Structures are given as C-alpha cells and as structure tokens.
Amino acid sequence: MSELLALRNHIDGHYVDAADGRRLDVVDPVTGEVYAHAPLSGAADVDAAMAAAAAAFPQWRDATPATRQRLLLRVADAMEARADDLADAECRDTGKPRALTLSEEIVPVVDTVRFFAGAARMLEGRSAGEYMEGMTSIIRREPIGVIAQVAPWNYPLMMAVWKFAPAIAAGNTVVLKPSDTTPASTLLLAGIVGEVLKDMDLPAGILNVVCGDRETGRLMVEHPTPAMAAITGSVRAGMEVAASAARDVKRVHLELGGKAPALVFADADIAAAAEGIAAGGYFNAGQDCTAATRVLVHESVHDEFVAALAKAASQTRTGGGVDDEDMFFGPLNNADQLARVAGFIDRLPEHATVESGGHRVGERGYFYAPTVVSGLRQDDEIVQNEVFGPVITVQSFTDEEQAVAYANGVEYALASSVWTRDHARAMRMSKALDFGCVWINSHMALVAEMPHGGYKKSGYGKDLSAYGFEDYTRIKHVMTAL
C-alpha cells in the first residue's frame, strides 16, 4: 500500500499541521479507500488563521482597486497554468470525470477569478450631492473586514473560488474552510495564491485555509475576529451558522439547498426537454443545489416524457474511473451520502414507480445509478426533501395554476426551469415561480456575470455577478458642511 498523502493547512503563507497534530481521513470515493490525511483544526489553528487575516486586512483594505485586480489576474493565470494539477486534486477527492472537470469546472473557475478581477475596478459609491442645505453627502463602499467562509464538498474548487474571489476583490481578507471530505484542491489553490502574494510583496494572510470538521467551522463562525460568515452547504448547516453569527451580529451570506422544479408543458420539445433535464439532473451525480431533480409535466404528455427521460437515464453512464471519458458522472461523495440517496428509494411509497435505476452501481466506491421515479404526489418525502443524488422525480399537472402550486410548494427556492414553445407562458411562469433563478428551455447554465442565489430555506445573498461582489462590501455615508 502506498504511503498516505499528508495534507496541511495554509496559514499566513505557510503549510502547517494542526497545532495539536490531529488529523482526518480523506477517502477516494471511487474506491472507498483512505488516500490522505488532512488536519483536524482546533481553536489554536483558527486563532492563528484569524490573526493572519486580521493583520493583513489594513494593507489590503487600503490597496488600490488596480492592485486587487492585478493580484486576481495573476492568480487566474497561475491557476490556468496549474489546471492539470488542480483537476488531479479535485478528481481524487470527488471521483468526477477528469475531462469534464477540466472543461466544465476548471475553465469556468478561472474565468470567475478574472471576472472579479474586473469587478475590483468597479468598487465605487454614488456621486456626491446636496440633499440638505449647506451639506454635501458622499456614499463610500468599503470592504467589511475578515470573512469566515465555509465551502461544501460537491464543487470544492468552484465553491472556494466563488467565496474568496469576490471577498478579496472587494478588499477583505479571508479564512476559508473546505469540506472535511474534499480539502485537496482548495489547499493547492491556497498555495498558488500564496506564491502570487509573495511575488507581489503583499500580505500572506490575505487568504488562509484551515481544514477540519463541523466543530472547526463553528469555531470560525463564532470567533470574534470575522465581521461576516459566508457558507455554501445544507439548510441545517446554514441555520446553525446564522444562529451562531447572531450572537455577535455578524453579517451572514447563505447559499443552501435546493429542490429545483422543471416544468414541462404540452407544447415543449419533449425529446429536447428529456435530454436537457437528464443532463441537468445527473451532472455531478445530482450533487448540485440547482439540479433538475423534480419534473412537473403536463398530463397530456406525461407518459411520453417519462419514457424519454427513462431512456436518457439508461443511456447515462457512471461507475468508471476518473479517466473514463464515457462516464457522465462519478460517485456520490461519501458513504453517508450513498446511504442517504439509497434510503430515499428504499422508502418510496407504494404508488411510486422506479422507471430506471434505483440501485447502487458496483460494490466498490459510492456509485449510484441514474434514477427516474414516477407516480409521485406533492406530499411525498422524496418530492419535499433534497436528495442530492442522481434521482429525478416526475409528477403530472393539469394546468398552469397547478404547475405553479406544485413548483412553489416546497421549502426551497433556488432554481427552476420552464420548457415550452410559448413565449408568453414562459414569461408568466418566470414571474410566478418563487425561485432565485428561472431557466427557459434550459437548466443549470451559469455565467460569472449573472447572480446565483435563492429565497426561503435556500438562503440569502448572491454568489457571482456584481451583486455577489457588493455582498462583500459595506456602505458608509459621509456628510460634509460646506
């Protein structure tokens, strides 16, 4: 057996072990075997990272937008140069197909860093004006301070970038915790950023990465130093972060779960809808809060659509290694997640029908077959709760009113899609659907320029776009007597 890889925190420009030497196992989800150890960071490690970020903040706060842009552009170039290394680290932790990871994740995350490099030059307030006789008012947009950030395991590198890039572009400093199951790519990214910071003679503590478990995340959020906590994760985790941050009135940015409906009307291109929804539901093994997990289809085309979707599912491949170019999605991230997904299928009500899949693939690793379940009702567990796996449910509706009621009738409100040839209907649905994003005849398309974020239990605040950038700033009014 080869020696296990030893991963280390990245604090103030240096790779370091946890102060007390504790470590966590990191498992390769393709094999189910431990391949590395990562630090289980405690209070001393969090203190060190927060101290480094706090020490770096004054200089970084006062840096010009041009300097912030230059840093992020150089980071993007360095990431692009290390694309293969980043993909290797990401795939080892997640089991994702390597070719898809390079094209669908590495390329977009580099582009996202470059977008926020441009946004750094747009940090401005409103123009000065006189709103009271004899007084001139000025609005300043300023960085908030040290930001505590927690990223999830479904897109480790992408979510790390979505977190740190806008925060740093706005002049904040960051302490970031990756998931305990997927730390490798984030730690590599920290080293890449650290090299650029050193070369530019900028404070090493602008970005710090500490590994650990839920307790480590709690220590970060409750620490007195950060002025803001930002998390992408489950609803449970988000509620805990919000409660912890409330104790000292920290700002909170939450991107949480989803249960995205895809509304398929009778006039839709059924073949295209089935293909698009299958891609949107099974990409990354359905481990995506925007995944097309919940199809609502008009009763007149229900059977035709279910047959087309089941066929698409049966032709979607999983169960191979990361270099298998025919594999569309890899394994579920961990044994607990495999058990969770399987549990939803095991507990299906008698009126449900498994049209395709519904079983584990192979005996090694955490692969699960692309699954379609029909015959479901609105109050069924699998309709109401986030599965976070390669499972798509199908319900039928009679008219627009019922479609909207079913779509909005869950606690999540992140993303949705509408499949129709009728432009007016698409516009009616985009207004009526209570979700932060509505795609028309598409699902899961994302660009750095447009905001990503939801309502209700899907959280608040936006990732990506100028809106996400503004979330990492505070507004100050300055009034001067003339």
Protein backbone atom coordinates (compact mmCIF):
# COMPACT_ATOMS: atom_id res chain seq x y z
CA MET A 1 0.00 0.00 0.00
CA SER A 2 1.36 3.42 -0.96
CA GLU A 3 2.03 5.96 1.77
CA LEU A 4 -0.92 8.22 2.53
CA LEU A 5 -0.73 11.81 1.32
CA ALA A 6 -0.30 14.33 4.14
CA LEU A 7 -2.33 17.50 3.55
CA ARG A 8 -1.67 20.61 5.64
CA ASN A 9 -3.40 23.88 6.47
CA HIS A 10 -2.26 27.03 4.68
CA ILE A 11 -1.95 29.90 7.19
CA ASP A 12 -0.13 33.19 6.67
CA GLY A 13 1.64 31.87 3.60
CA HIS A 14 2.85 28.58 5.09
CA TYR A 15 1.67 24.98 5.01
CA VAL A 16 1.31 23.81 8.62
CA ASP A 17 -0.11 20.88 10.55
CA ALA A 18 -2.84 21.30 13.14
CA ALA A 19 -1.34 22.62 16.37
CA ASP A 20 -2.34 19.51 18.32
CA GLY A 21 -1.47 17.12 15.48
CA ARG A 22 -5.00 15.77 14.99
CA ARG A 23 -5.89 14.53 11.51
CA LEU A 24 -8.89 13.35 9.50
CA ASP A 25 -9.05 10.58 6.90
CA VAL A 26 -9.70 11.69 3.32
CA VAL A 27 -11.38 8.98 1.23
CA ASP A 28 -11.25 8.41 -2.53
CA PRO A 29 -14.96 7.95 -3.39
CA VAL A 30 -14.12 5.87 -6.47
CA THR A 31 -12.58 3.14 -4.29
CA GLY A 32 -13.91 3.91 -0.82
CA GLU A 33 -10.35 3.79 0.49
CA VAL A 34 -8.42 6.35 2.53
CA TYR A 35 -5.80 8.06 0.38
CA ALA A 36 -4.79 11.06 2.51
CA HIS A 37 -4.90 12.69 5.92
CA ALA A 38 -5.88 16.32 6.50
CA PRO A 39 -5.62 18.48 9.63
CA LEU A 40 -8.48 18.46 12.12
CA SER A 41 -8.08 22.09 13.08
CA GLY A 42 -8.97 23.32 16.54
CA ALA A 43 -9.15 26.64 18.35
CA ALA A 44 -5.42 27.32 18.14
CA ASP A 45 -5.39 26.86 14.37
CA VAL A 46 -8.46 29.04 13.88
CA ASP A 47 -6.90 31.71 16.11
CA ALA A 48 -3.71 31.66 14.02
CA ALA A 49 -5.60 31.96 10.74
CA MET A 50 -7.80 34.78 12.04
CA ALA A 51 -4.77 36.63 13.38
CA ALA A 52 -3.06 36.37 9.99
CA ALA A 53 -6.17 37.62 8.18
CA ALA A 54 -6.64 40.49 10.66
CA ALA A 55 -3.00 41.54 10.32
CA ALA A 56 -3.25 41.54 6.53
CA PHE A 57 -6.52 43.48 6.38
CA PRO A 58 -5.33 47.09 6.88
CA GLN A 59 -2.86 46.96 4.00
CA TRP A 60 -5.24 45.06 1.73
CA ARG A 61 -8.16 47.36 2.59
CA ASP A 62 -6.08 50.35 1.53
CA ALA A 63 -4.76 48.73 -1.65
CA THR A 64 -5.99 50.36 -4.84
CA PRO A 65 -8.55 48.56 -6.99
CA ALA A 66 -5.84 48.25 -9.62
CA THR A 67 -3.67 46.27 -7.20
CA ARG A 68 -6.55 43.96 -6.30
CA GLN A 69 -7.26 43.41 -9.97
CA ARG A 70 -3.62 42.70 -10.71
CA LEU A 71 -3.50 40.10 -7.92
CA LEU A 72 -6.59 38.25 -9.15
CA LEU A 73 -5.48 38.33 -12.79
CA ARG A 74 -2.14 36.82 -11.82
CA VAL A 75 -3.92 34.21 -9.68
CA ALA A 76 -6.12 33.31 -12.67
CA ASP A 77 -3.07 32.94 -14.90
CA ALA A 78 -1.35 30.77 -12.29
CA MET A 79 -4.45 28.60 -11.91
CA GLU A 80 -4.66 28.19 -15.67
CA ALA A 81 -1.01 27.13 -15.76
CA ARG A 82 -1.71 24.58 -13.00
CA ALA A 83 -5.02 23.38 -14.47
CA ASP A 84 -3.92 19.76 -14.67
CA ASP A 85 -2.74 19.76 -11.06
CA LEU A 86 -5.99 21.35 -9.87
CA ALA A 87 -8.02 18.80 -11.85
CA ASP A 88 -6.00 15.92 -10.39
CA ALA A 89 -6.61 17.13 -6.85
CA GLU A 90 -10.31 17.77 -7.50
CA CYS A 91 -10.89 14.38 -9.12
CA ARG A 92 -9.06 12.46 -6.41
CA ASP A 93 -11.34 13.97 -3.76
CA THR A 94 -14.58 13.75 -5.74
CA GLY A 95 -14.21 10.96 -8.32
CA LYS A 96 -15.50 13.26 -11.07
CA PRO A 97 -14.68 12.51 -14.72
CA ARG A 98 -11.43 14.31 -15.37
CA ALA A 99 -12.21 15.57 -18.87
CA LEU A 100 -15.50 17.09 -17.72
CA THR A 101 -13.81 18.60 -14.69
CA LEU A 102 -11.26 20.34 -16.87
CA SER A 103 -13.82 21.72 -19.33
CA GLU A 104 -16.85 22.34 -17.09
CA GLU A 105 -15.20 23.37 -13.83
CA ILE A 106 -11.56 24.43 -14.17
CA VAL A 107 -12.20 26.69 -17.16
CA PRO A 108 -15.21 28.42 -15.52
CA VAL A 109 -13.46 28.95 -12.17
CA VAL A 110 -10.51 30.64 -13.88
CA ASP A 111 -12.99 32.82 -15.75
CA THR A 112 -14.74 33.64 -12.45
CA VAL A 113 -11.49 34.86 -10.91
CA ARG A 114 -10.95 37.06 -13.97
CA PHE A 115 -14.49 38.41 -13.71
CA PHE A 116 -13.96 39.50 -10.11
CA ALA A 117 -10.61 40.99 -11.10
CA GLY A 118 -12.64 43.27 -13.35
CA ALA A 119 -15.23 43.89 -10.63
CA ALA A 120 -12.46 45.10 -8.32
CA ARG A 121 -12.14 48.20 -10.52
CA MET A 122 -15.86 48.95 -10.10
CA LEU A 123 -15.89 49.47 -6.32
CA GLU A 124 -17.50 52.89 -6.09
CA GLY A 125 -20.21 54.86 -4.30
CA ARG A 126 -22.85 57.16 -5.70
CA SER A 127 -21.80 60.59 -6.85
CA ALA A 128 -21.72 63.41 -4.33
CA GLY A 129 -24.80 65.59 -3.94
CA GLU A 130 -26.51 68.15 -1.72
CA TYR A 131 -29.59 66.72 -0.03
CA MET A 132 -29.64 69.22 2.85
CA GLU A 133 -28.92 72.91 2.51
CA GLY A 134 -25.27 73.64 3.22
CA MET A 135 -24.27 69.96 3.30
CA THR A 136 -22.71 67.62 0.73
CA SER A 137 -23.24 63.85 1.02
CA ILE A 138 -20.90 61.16 -0.27
CA ILE A 139 -21.52 57.37 -0.30
CA ARG A 140 -18.49 55.14 0.19
CA ARG A 141 -18.40 51.40 -0.47
CA GLU A 142 -15.84 49.76 1.78
CA PRO A 143 -14.62 46.22 2.50
CA ILE A 144 -16.16 44.59 5.54
CA GLY A 145 -13.07 43.08 7.16
CA VAL A 146 -12.09 39.47 7.83
CA ILE A 147 -14.53 36.99 6.29
CA ALA A 148 -15.04 33.44 7.62
CA GLN A 149 -16.06 31.17 4.74
CA VAL A 150 -17.15 27.52 4.61
CA ALA A 151 -17.30 25.60 1.32
CA PRO A 152 -19.07 22.30 0.52
CA TRP A 153 -17.90 19.01 -0.99
CA ASN A 154 -19.92 18.95 -4.22
CA TYR A 155 -17.78 21.53 -6.08
CA PRO A 156 -14.78 22.06 -3.79
CA LEU A 157 -12.65 24.22 -6.07
CA MET A 158 -15.51 26.12 -7.69
CA MET A 159 -17.14 26.99 -4.38
CA ALA A 160 -13.80 28.08 -2.90
CA VAL A 161 -13.39 30.47 -5.83
CA TRP A 162 -16.98 31.72 -5.59
CA LYS A 163 -16.23 32.52 -1.95
CA PHE A 164 -12.75 34.02 -1.89
CA ALA A 165 -12.62 35.87 -5.24
CA PRO A 166 -15.37 38.47 -4.60
CA ALA A 167 -14.32 38.89 -0.97
CA ILE A 168 -10.71 39.63 -1.88
CA ALA A 169 -11.70 41.74 -4.90
CA ALA A 170 -13.63 43.99 -2.51
CA GLY A 171 -10.63 44.38 -0.19
CA ASN A 172 -11.47 41.84 2.51
CA THR A 173 -9.22 39.09 3.86
CA VAL A 174 -10.38 35.50 4.18
CA VAL A 175 -10.23 32.40 6.36
CA LEU A 176 -11.75 29.56 4.33
CA LYS A 177 -12.62 26.02 5.43
CA PRO A 178 -13.14 23.37 2.74
CA SER A 179 -15.26 20.31 3.44
CA ASP A 180 -13.57 17.64 5.52
CA THR A 181 -14.06 15.16 2.65
CA THR A 182 -12.65 17.36 -0.15
CA PRO A 183 -9.78 19.60 1.04
CA ALA A 184 -7.09 18.87 -1.55
CA SER A 185 -7.87 21.29 -4.40
CA THR A 186 -8.57 24.18 -2.03
CA LEU A 187 -5.23 23.67 -0.28
CA LEU A 188 -3.47 23.59 -3.65
CA LEU A 189 -5.29 26.79 -4.61
CA ALA A 190 -4.13 28.43 -1.36
CA GLY A 191 -0.54 27.61 -2.25
CA ILE A 192 -0.99 29.08 -5.74
CA VAL A 193 -2.45 32.29 -4.31
CA GLY A 194 0.29 32.38 -1.69
CA GLU A 195 3.00 32.28 -4.33
CA VAL A 196 1.42 35.22 -6.17
CA LEU A 197 1.04 37.21 -2.94
CA LYS A 198 4.71 36.65 -2.13
CA ASP A 199 5.82 37.64 -5.61
CA MET A 200 3.76 40.85 -5.39
CA ASP A 201 5.06 41.60 -1.87
CA LEU A 202 1.53 41.55 -0.47
CA PRO A 203 0.49 40.23 2.98
CA ALA A 204 0.44 36.43 3.09
CA GLY A 205 -2.61 36.42 5.34
CA ILE A 206 -5.00 37.73 2.68
CA LEU A 207 -6.15 34.12 2.09
CA ASN A 208 -5.88 31.36 4.71
CA VAL A 209 -7.25 27.82 4.50
CA VAL A 210 -7.93 25.66 7.55
CA CYS A 211 -9.21 22.10 7.32
CA GLY A 212 -11.50 20.41 9.79
CA ASP A 213 -14.98 19.25 10.65
CA ARG A 214 -18.23 20.92 11.71
CA GLU A 215 -16.67 21.93 15.02
CA THR A 216 -13.88 23.75 13.15
CA GLY A 217 -16.49 25.62 11.15
CA ARG A 218 -18.35 26.55 14.32
CA LEU A 219 -15.14 27.90 15.86
CA MET A 220 -14.60 30.07 12.78
CA VAL A 221 -18.12 31.48 12.72
CA GLU A 222 -18.19 32.17 16.46
CA HIS A 223 -14.68 33.67 16.51
CA PRO A 224 -14.72 37.38 17.45
CA THR A 225 -12.48 38.44 14.55
CA PRO A 226 -14.61 37.91 11.42
CA ALA A 227 -17.15 40.57 10.52
CA MET A 228 -19.02 38.22 8.19
CA ALA A 229 -19.66 34.50 7.76
CA ALA A 230 -20.40 33.00 4.33
CA ILE A 231 -21.36 29.38 3.75
CA THR A 232 -22.46 27.13 0.95
CA GLY A 233 -23.99 24.00 2.42
CA SER A 234 -27.09 22.30 3.74
CA VAL A 235 -30.09 24.10 5.22
CA ARG A 236 -29.20 22.63 8.62
CA ALA A 237 -25.66 23.97 8.40
CA GLY A 238 -26.90 27.37 7.25
CA MET A 239 -29.34 27.66 10.13
CA GLU A 240 -26.59 26.79 12.60
CA VAL A 241 -24.26 29.39 11.07
CA ALA A 242 -26.98 32.05 11.16
CA ALA A 243 -27.70 31.26 14.82
CA SER A 244 -24.02 31.35 15.75
CA ALA A 245 -23.37 34.58 13.84
CA ALA A 246 -26.36 36.23 15.51
CA ARG A 247 -24.60 36.13 18.88
CA ASP A 248 -22.33 39.00 17.89
CA VAL A 249 -24.38 40.32 14.95
CA LYS A 250 -22.07 39.16 12.17
CA ARG A 251 -23.21 39.54 8.62
CA VAL A 252 -24.25 36.22 7.07
CA HIS A 253 -24.24 35.05 3.45
CA LEU A 254 -26.03 31.72 2.89
CA GLU A 255 -26.26 29.60 -0.26
CA LEU A 256 -28.07 26.47 0.87
CA GLY A 257 -30.10 23.58 -0.52
CA GLY A 258 -32.43 23.33 -3.47
CA LYS A 259 -35.26 21.29 -4.94
CA ALA A 260 -35.40 22.66 -8.45
CA PRO A 261 -38.60 22.06 -10.42
CA ALA A 262 -38.57 21.65 -14.19
CA LEU A 263 -41.99 22.47 -15.66
CA VAL A 264 -42.64 20.67 -18.97
CA PHE A 265 -45.69 21.89 -20.88
CA ALA A 266 -47.56 20.02 -23.61
CA ASP A 267 -46.11 22.20 -26.37
CA ALA A 268 -42.49 21.60 -25.33
CA ASP A 269 -39.99 19.71 -27.46
CA ILE A 270 -40.29 16.53 -25.40
CA ALA A 271 -37.08 14.91 -26.66
CA ALA A 272 -35.06 18.08 -26.03
CA ALA A 273 -36.65 18.55 -22.61
CA ALA A 274 -35.87 14.98 -21.56
CA GLU A 275 -32.28 15.31 -22.75
CA GLY A 276 -31.77 18.69 -21.09
CA ILE A 277 -33.37 17.67 -17.81
CA ALA A 278 -31.39 14.42 -17.68
CA ALA A 279 -28.18 16.41 -18.13
CA GLY A 280 -29.30 18.95 -15.52
CA GLY A 281 -30.35 16.26 -13.08
CA TYR A 282 -27.43 13.84 -13.38
CA PHE A 283 -24.44 16.15 -13.83
CA ASN A 284 -22.08 15.71 -10.87
CA ALA A 285 -24.25 12.78 -9.73
CA GLY A 286 -27.06 15.21 -8.96
CA GLN A 287 -24.96 16.69 -6.14
CA ASP A 288 -25.93 20.22 -7.07
CA CYS A 289 -28.40 22.51 -5.32
CA THR A 290 -29.67 23.63 -8.73
CA ALA A 291 -30.01 20.09 -10.17
CA ALA A 292 -33.18 19.34 -12.13
CA THR A 293 -34.44 16.89 -9.55
CA ARG A 294 -38.19 17.44 -9.71
CA VAL A 295 -40.07 17.32 -13.03
CA LEU A 296 -43.63 18.59 -13.32
CA VAL A 297 -45.07 17.55 -16.69
CA HIS A 298 -48.47 18.22 -18.26
CA GLU A 299 -50.73 15.17 -18.01
CA SER A 300 -51.24 15.01 -21.78
CA VAL A 301 -47.54 14.31 -22.44
CA HIS A 302 -46.68 12.64 -19.14
CA ASP A 303 -46.20 9.10 -20.43
CA GLU A 304 -44.27 10.24 -23.50
CA PHE A 305 -41.94 12.34 -21.36
CA VAL A 306 -41.37 9.63 -18.72
CA ALA A 307 -40.42 7.15 -21.44
CA ALA A 308 -37.98 9.64 -22.98
CA LEU A 309 -36.45 10.51 -19.60
CA ALA A 310 -36.10 6.86 -18.58
CA LYS A 311 -34.35 6.16 -21.89
CA ALA A 312 -31.98 9.09 -21.31
CA ALA A 313 -31.24 7.81 -17.80
CA SER A 314 -30.49 4.30 -19.04
CA GLN A 315 -28.01 5.76 -21.54
CA THR A 316 -26.22 7.87 -18.91
CA ARG A 317 -23.07 6.17 -17.72
CA THR A 318 -21.49 6.06 -14.29
CA GLY A 319 -19.30 3.62 -12.40
CA GLY A 320 -15.90 4.13 -14.01
CA GLY A 321 -12.62 5.77 -13.08
CA VAL A 322 -11.88 9.46 -13.40
CA ASP A 323 -10.16 8.92 -16.77
CA ASP A 324 -13.16 7.09 -18.27
CA GLU A 325 -14.25 9.53 -20.99
CA ASP A 326 -17.60 7.73 -21.46
CA MET A 327 -18.62 8.29 -17.84
CA PHE A 328 -21.01 11.26 -17.42
CA PHE A 329 -20.86 11.41 -13.64
CA GLY A 330 -18.79 9.91 -10.89
CA PRO A 331 -19.63 8.57 -7.44
CA LEU A 332 -21.51 10.16 -4.62
CA ASN A 333 -19.08 11.94 -2.36
CA ASN A 334 -19.08 9.69 0.67
CA ALA A 335 -20.60 6.60 2.27
CA ASP A 336 -23.15 8.63 4.25
CA GLN A 337 -24.40 10.30 1.09
CA LEU A 338 -24.72 6.95 -0.68
CA ALA A 339 -26.79 5.67 2.25
CA ARG A 340 -28.93 8.82 2.20
CA VAL A 341 -29.76 8.53 -1.51
CA ALA A 342 -30.46 4.81 -1.27
CA GLY A 343 -32.69 5.46 1.73
CA PHE A 344 -34.99 7.72 -0.26
CA ILE A 345 -35.50 4.95 -2.83
CA ASP A 346 -35.94 2.27 -0.17
CA ARG A 347 -38.68 4.33 1.49
CA LEU A 348 -40.67 5.11 -1.66
CA PRO A 349 -44.45 4.85 -1.22
CA GLU A 350 -46.38 2.08 -2.95
CA HIS A 351 -47.84 4.48 -5.54
CA ALA A 352 -44.35 5.36 -6.85
CA THR A 353 -42.72 3.56 -9.78
CA VAL A 354 -38.97 3.33 -10.39
CA GLU A 355 -38.73 3.76 -14.17
CA SER A 356 -34.93 3.47 -14.35
CA GLY A 357 -32.04 2.91 -11.95
CA GLY A 358 -32.79 2.84 -8.25
CA HIS A 359 -29.73 0.87 -7.23
CA ARG A 360 -26.06 1.08 -6.39
CA VAL A 361 -23.56 0.51 -9.21
CA GLY A 362 -20.75 -1.91 -8.40
CA GLU A 363 -19.51 -2.96 -4.99
CA ARG A 364 -16.56 -0.59 -4.81
CA GLY A 365 -16.85 3.13 -4.24
CA TYR A 366 -20.06 5.15 -3.91
CA PHE A 367 -21.66 4.98 -7.35
CA TYR A 368 -25.43 5.16 -7.79
CA ALA A 369 -27.39 4.58 -10.99
CA PRO A 370 -29.20 7.45 -12.74
CA THR A 371 -32.74 7.08 -11.47
CA VAL A 372 -36.22 8.14 -12.56
CA VAL A 373 -39.22 7.80 -10.24
CA SER A 374 -42.77 8.48 -11.43
CA GLY A 375 -46.24 8.34 -9.88
CA LEU A 376 -45.35 10.70 -7.06
CA ARG A 377 -47.53 13.04 -5.07
CA GLN A 378 -46.79 16.50 -3.77
CA ASP A 379 -46.52 15.49 -0.11
CA ASP A 380 -44.18 12.54 -0.70
CA GLU A 381 -40.87 12.71 1.18
CA ILE A 382 -38.78 12.45 -1.97
CA VAL A 383 -40.66 15.39 -3.53
CA GLN A 384 -40.36 17.64 -0.49
CA ASN A 385 -36.77 16.92 0.62
CA GLU A 386 -33.43 17.35 -1.11
CA VAL A 387 -31.97 14.01 -2.20
CA PHE A 388 -28.67 15.41 -3.55
CA GLY A 389 -28.09 12.41 -5.78
CA PRO A 390 -28.78 11.21 -9.34
CA VAL A 391 -32.53 10.88 -8.78
CA ILE A 392 -35.22 12.70 -10.82
CA THR A 393 -38.85 12.55 -9.73
CA VAL A 394 -41.84 13.08 -12.02
CA GLN A 395 -45.31 14.41 -11.21
CA SER A 396 -48.12 15.39 -13.58
CA PHE A 397 -50.17 18.60 -13.59
CA THR A 398 -53.37 19.72 -15.28
CA ASP A 399 -52.86 23.44 -15.86
CA GLU A 400 -50.55 26.39 -15.19
CA GLU A 401 -52.09 27.14 -11.81
CA GLN A 402 -51.46 23.63 -10.52
CA ALA A 403 -47.97 23.57 -12.02
CA VAL A 404 -47.02 26.74 -10.15
CA ALA A 405 -48.60 25.50 -6.91
CA TYR A 406 -46.62 22.25 -7.09
CA ALA A 407 -43.41 24.02 -8.08
CA ASN A 408 -43.60 26.56 -5.26
CA GLY A 409 -44.91 24.03 -2.75
CA VAL A 410 -41.55 23.17 -1.17
CA GLU A 411 -39.32 24.93 1.36
CA TYR A 412 -36.50 25.51 -1.13
CA ALA A 413 -36.40 28.32 -3.68
CA LEU A 414 -33.07 28.37 -5.50
CA ALA A 415 -33.54 27.42 -9.16
CA SER A 416 -36.20 26.27 -11.63
CA SER A 417 -36.79 25.80 -15.34
CA VAL A 418 -39.69 26.04 -17.80
CA TRP A 419 -39.92 24.02 -21.00
CA THR A 420 -42.35 25.46 -23.56
CA ARG A 421 -42.52 26.97 -27.05
CA ASP A 422 -44.98 29.63 -25.82
CA HIS A 423 -43.08 32.83 -25.01
CA ALA A 424 -45.95 34.42 -23.13
CA ARG A 425 -46.33 31.32 -20.95
CA ALA A 426 -42.60 31.33 -20.25
CA MET A 427 -42.86 34.94 -19.09
CA ARG A 428 -45.90 34.17 -16.90
CA MET A 429 -44.08 31.27 -15.31
CA SER A 430 -40.86 33.23 -14.74
CA LYS A 431 -42.92 35.78 -12.80
CA ALA A 432 -44.95 33.23 -10.83
CA LEU A 433 -42.13 30.85 -9.87
CA ASP A 434 -40.74 31.72 -6.43
CA PHE A 435 -37.12 30.86 -7.19
CA GLY A 436 -33.93 32.89 -7.44
CA CYS A 437 -33.31 31.64 -10.99
CA VAL A 438 -35.64 30.60 -13.80
CA TRP A 439 -34.19 28.99 -16.93
CA ILE A 440 -36.29 28.78 -20.11
CA ASN A 441 -35.78 25.64 -22.24
CA SER A 442 -32.50 25.03 -20.43
CA HIS A 443 -31.30 24.06 -16.98
CA MET A 444 -28.12 24.76 -14.97
CA ALA A 445 -26.44 27.28 -17.28
CA LEU A 446 -24.30 29.63 -15.17
CA VAL A 447 -22.13 32.63 -16.05
CA ALA A 448 -19.98 34.82 -13.82
CA GLU A 449 -21.85 37.97 -14.84
CA MET A 450 -25.25 36.78 -13.55
CA PRO A 451 -26.27 36.28 -9.88
CA HIS A 452 -26.80 32.90 -8.24
CA GLY A 453 -28.82 32.65 -5.04
CA GLY A 454 -32.25 31.80 -3.72
CA TYR A 455 -35.10 32.55 -1.37
CA LYS A 456 -36.80 30.79 1.56
CA LYS A 457 -34.68 27.95 3.00
CA SER A 458 -32.29 28.15 0.06
CA GLY A 459 -30.69 31.09 1.86
CA TYR A 460 -29.94 34.72 1.07
CA GLY A 461 -27.20 36.70 -0.57
CA LYS A 462 -25.86 36.21 -4.08
CA ASP A 463 -22.83 34.44 -5.49
CA LEU A 464 -21.24 35.54 -8.77
CA SER A 465 -22.02 38.83 -10.55
CA ALA A 466 -21.79 42.41 -9.33
CA TYR A 467 -24.48 41.57 -6.78
CA GLY A 468 -22.22 38.94 -5.22
CA PHE A 469 -19.37 41.43 -5.21
CA GLU A 470 -21.49 44.03 -3.41
CA ASP A 471 -22.41 41.48 -0.74
CA TYR A 472 -18.80 41.71 0.47
CA THR A 473 -18.94 45.49 0.92
CA ARG A 474 -20.49 47.86 3.42
CA ILE A 475 -21.96 51.31 2.79
CA LYS A 476 -20.85 54.44 4.60
CA HIS A 477 -22.46 57.88 4.40
CA VAL A 478 -20.10 60.85 4.70
CA MET A 479 -21.69 64.29 5.13
CA THR A 480 -19.66 67.50 4.95
CA ALA A 481 -20.66 71.02 5.88
CA LEU A 482 -19.93 73.45 3.07
